[in-house]
């Protein structure tokens, strides 16, 4: 059981580090996907991004 907890903690640390290395737009996309609990198509996902006003570093809506 201790090995499982150590492995889980290590994986969580790696995922957090990877997340913080993402550009801000990609972080927002991960955040949005983290609260979507059903299948979603690209058009619907883009509508969500546009609704919450997410822009990339060039001040364009996510693509």
N, C-alpha and C. Protein backbone atom coordinates (compact mmCIF):
# COMPACT_ATOMS: atom_id res chain seq x y z
N UNK A 1 0.82 -1.19 0.00
CA UNK A 1 0.00 0.00 0.00
C UNK A 1 0.87 1.26 0.00
N UNK A 2 1.95 1.24 0.73
CA UNK A 2 2.84 2.41 0.79
C UNK A 2 3.44 2.70 -0.58
N UNK A 3 3.81 1.66 -1.33
CA UNK A 3 4.35 1.86 -2.68
C UNK A 3 3.32 2.52 -3.58
N UNK A 4 2.05 2.10 -3.44
CA UNK A 4 0.99 2.69 -4.24
C UNK A 4 0.87 4.19 -3.93
N UNK A 5 0.88 4.55 -2.67
CA UNK A 5 0.78 5.96 -2.29
C UNK A 5 1.98 6.77 -2.77
N UNK A 6 3.16 6.18 -2.69
CA UNK A 6 4.37 6.85 -3.16
C UNK A 6 4.31 7.05 -4.68
N UNK A 7 3.85 6.01 -5.40
CA UNK A 7 3.73 6.11 -6.86
C UNK A 7 2.69 7.15 -7.25
N UNK A 8 1.57 7.17 -6.52
CA UNK A 8 0.52 8.14 -6.80
C UNK A 8 1.01 9.56 -6.55
N UNK A 9 1.72 9.75 -5.47
CA UNK A 9 2.26 11.07 -5.14
C UNK A 9 3.27 11.52 -6.20
N UNK A 10 4.11 10.60 -6.64
CA UNK A 10 5.11 10.92 -7.67
C UNK A 10 4.41 11.29 -8.99
N UNK A 11 3.40 10.52 -9.37
CA UNK A 11 2.66 10.81 -10.59
C UNK A 11 1.96 12.16 -10.50
N UNK A 12 1.36 12.45 -9.37
CA UNK A 12 0.68 13.73 -9.18
C UNK A 12 1.67 14.88 -9.33
N UNK A 13 2.83 14.74 -8.75
CA UNK A 13 3.87 15.78 -8.86
C UNK A 13 4.28 15.97 -10.32
N UNK A 14 4.46 14.88 -11.05
CA UNK A 14 4.84 14.96 -12.46
C UNK A 14 3.75 15.65 -13.28
N UNK A 15 2.50 15.32 -13.01
CA UNK A 15 1.39 15.93 -13.75
C UNK A 15 1.28 17.42 -13.46
N UNK A 16 1.46 17.81 -12.21
CA UNK A 16 1.40 19.22 -11.85
C UNK A 16 2.53 19.98 -12.55
N UNK A 17 3.71 19.41 -12.56
CA UNK A 17 4.84 20.06 -13.24
C UNK A 17 4.56 20.20 -14.73
N UNK A 18 4.02 19.16 -15.34
CA UNK A 18 3.71 19.21 -16.77
C UNK A 18 2.64 20.27 -17.05
N UNK A 19 1.63 20.35 -16.17
CA UNK A 19 0.56 21.33 -16.34
C UNK A 19 1.13 22.75 -16.30
N UNK A 20 1.99 23.04 -15.34
CA UNK A 20 2.54 24.40 -15.21
C UNK A 20 3.51 24.75 -16.33
N UNK A 21 3.98 23.78 -17.08
CA UNK A 21 4.85 24.05 -18.23
C UNK A 21 4.04 24.36 -19.49
N UNK A 22 2.74 24.14 -19.43
CA UNK A 22 1.88 24.41 -20.58
C UNK A 22 1.69 25.91 -20.76
N UNK A 23 1.48 26.35 -22.00
CA UNK A 23 1.12 27.76 -22.22
C UNK A 23 -0.24 28.04 -21.56
N UNK A 24 -0.52 29.30 -21.24
CA UNK A 24 -1.78 29.64 -20.55
C UNK A 24 -3.04 29.14 -21.26
N UNK A 25 -3.09 29.23 -22.58
CA UNK A 25 -4.27 28.75 -23.31
C UNK A 25 -4.46 27.26 -23.09
N UNK A 26 -3.39 26.50 -23.17
CA UNK A 26 -3.48 25.05 -22.96
C UNK A 26 -3.90 24.72 -21.53
N UNK A 27 -3.45 25.52 -20.57
CA UNK A 27 -3.89 25.32 -19.18
C UNK A 27 -5.40 25.52 -19.07
N UNK A 28 -5.93 26.54 -19.74
CA UNK A 28 -7.37 26.79 -19.71
C UNK A 28 -8.13 25.65 -20.36
N UNK A 29 -7.59 25.09 -21.44
CA UNK A 29 -8.24 23.96 -22.09
C UNK A 29 -8.28 22.76 -21.15
N UNK A 30 -7.19 22.48 -20.46
CA UNK A 30 -7.16 21.39 -19.48
C UNK A 30 -8.20 21.65 -18.38
N UNK A 31 -8.27 22.89 -17.91
CA UNK A 31 -9.25 23.23 -16.87
C UNK A 31 -10.68 22.97 -17.35
N UNK A 32 -10.97 23.38 -18.58
CA UNK A 32 -12.32 23.20 -19.10
C UNK A 32 -12.64 21.72 -19.26
N UNK A 33 -11.70 20.94 -19.82
CA UNK A 33 -11.94 19.51 -19.97
C UNK A 33 -12.10 18.83 -18.62
N UNK A 34 -11.49 19.38 -17.58
CA UNK A 34 -11.58 18.73 -16.26
C UNK A 34 -12.97 18.81 -15.66
N UNK A 35 -13.83 19.69 -16.17
CA UNK A 35 -15.19 19.79 -15.64
C UNK A 35 -16.25 19.31 -16.62
N UNK A 36 -15.85 18.80 -17.77
CA UNK A 36 -16.78 18.24 -18.74
C UNK A 36 -16.85 16.73 -18.51
N UNK A 37 -18.03 16.26 -18.17
CA UNK A 37 -18.19 14.86 -17.78
C UNK A 37 -18.92 14.01 -18.81
N UNK A 38 -19.04 14.46 -20.01
CA UNK A 38 -19.69 13.67 -21.05
C UNK A 38 -18.97 13.91 -22.37
N UNK A 39 -19.17 13.04 -23.34
CA UNK A 39 -18.52 13.24 -24.64
C UNK A 39 -18.92 14.61 -25.22
N UNK A 40 -17.96 15.25 -25.88
CA UNK A 40 -18.22 16.57 -26.45
C UNK A 40 -17.49 16.67 -27.79
N UNK A 41 -18.16 17.27 -28.77
CA UNK A 41 -17.51 17.43 -30.07
C UNK A 41 -16.74 18.75 -30.11
N UNK A 42 -15.92 18.91 -31.12
CA UNK A 42 -15.06 20.09 -31.22
C UNK A 42 -15.87 21.38 -31.28
N UNK A 43 -16.96 21.37 -32.02
CA UNK A 43 -17.77 22.57 -32.16
C UNK A 43 -18.33 23.02 -30.81
N UNK A 44 -18.84 22.08 -30.04
CA UNK A 44 -19.38 22.41 -28.72
C UNK A 44 -18.28 22.88 -27.78
N UNK A 45 -17.12 22.23 -27.86
CA UNK A 45 -16.02 22.64 -27.00
C UNK A 45 -15.55 24.05 -27.34
N UNK A 46 -15.47 24.35 -28.63
CA UNK A 46 -15.06 25.69 -29.05
C UNK A 46 -16.09 26.73 -28.60
N UNK A 47 -17.37 26.36 -28.63
CA UNK A 47 -18.41 27.27 -28.15
C UNK A 47 -18.20 27.57 -26.66
N UNK A 48 -17.81 26.55 -25.89
CA UNK A 48 -17.52 26.76 -24.46
C UNK A 48 -16.33 27.71 -24.29
N UNK A 49 -15.26 27.48 -25.05
CA UNK A 49 -14.09 28.36 -24.97
C UNK A 49 -14.46 29.80 -25.30
N UNK A 50 -15.24 29.96 -26.36
CA UNK A 50 -15.64 31.31 -26.76
C UNK A 50 -16.55 31.94 -25.72
N UNK A 51 -17.41 31.15 -25.11
CA UNK A 51 -18.35 31.67 -24.10
C UNK A 51 -17.61 32.23 -22.88
N UNK A 52 -16.52 31.55 -22.49
CA UNK A 52 -15.79 32.03 -21.32
C UNK A 52 -14.67 33.00 -21.69
N UNK A 53 -14.55 33.30 -22.98
CA UNK A 53 -13.64 34.35 -23.41
C UNK A 53 -12.17 34.00 -23.33
N UNK A 54 -11.82 32.78 -23.70
CA UNK A 54 -10.41 32.38 -23.67
C UNK A 54 -9.73 32.81 -24.97
N UNK A 55 -8.58 33.43 -24.81
CA UNK A 55 -7.79 33.89 -25.95
C UNK A 55 -6.37 33.35 -25.84
N UNK A 56 -5.70 33.22 -26.97
CA UNK A 56 -4.31 32.77 -26.97
C UNK A 56 -3.38 33.97 -26.84
N UNK A 57 -2.07 33.71 -26.94
CA UNK A 57 -1.09 34.78 -26.76
C UNK A 57 -1.19 35.85 -27.84
N UNK A 58 -1.86 35.56 -28.98
CA UNK A 58 -2.06 36.55 -30.04
C UNK A 58 -3.41 37.21 -29.93
N UNK A 59 -4.07 37.04 -28.77
CA UNK A 59 -5.39 37.62 -28.50
C UNK A 59 -6.45 37.09 -29.44
N UNK A 60 -6.31 35.83 -29.86
CA UNK A 60 -7.30 35.17 -30.70
C UNK A 60 -7.98 34.10 -29.88
N UNK A 61 -9.22 33.80 -30.23
CA UNK A 61 -9.93 32.72 -29.54
C UNK A 61 -9.19 31.41 -29.76
N UNK A 62 -9.28 30.50 -28.78
CA UNK A 62 -8.64 29.19 -28.90
C UNK A 62 -9.06 28.49 -30.17
N UNK A 63 -8.16 27.71 -30.73
CA UNK A 63 -8.48 27.02 -31.99
C UNK A 63 -8.23 25.55 -31.87
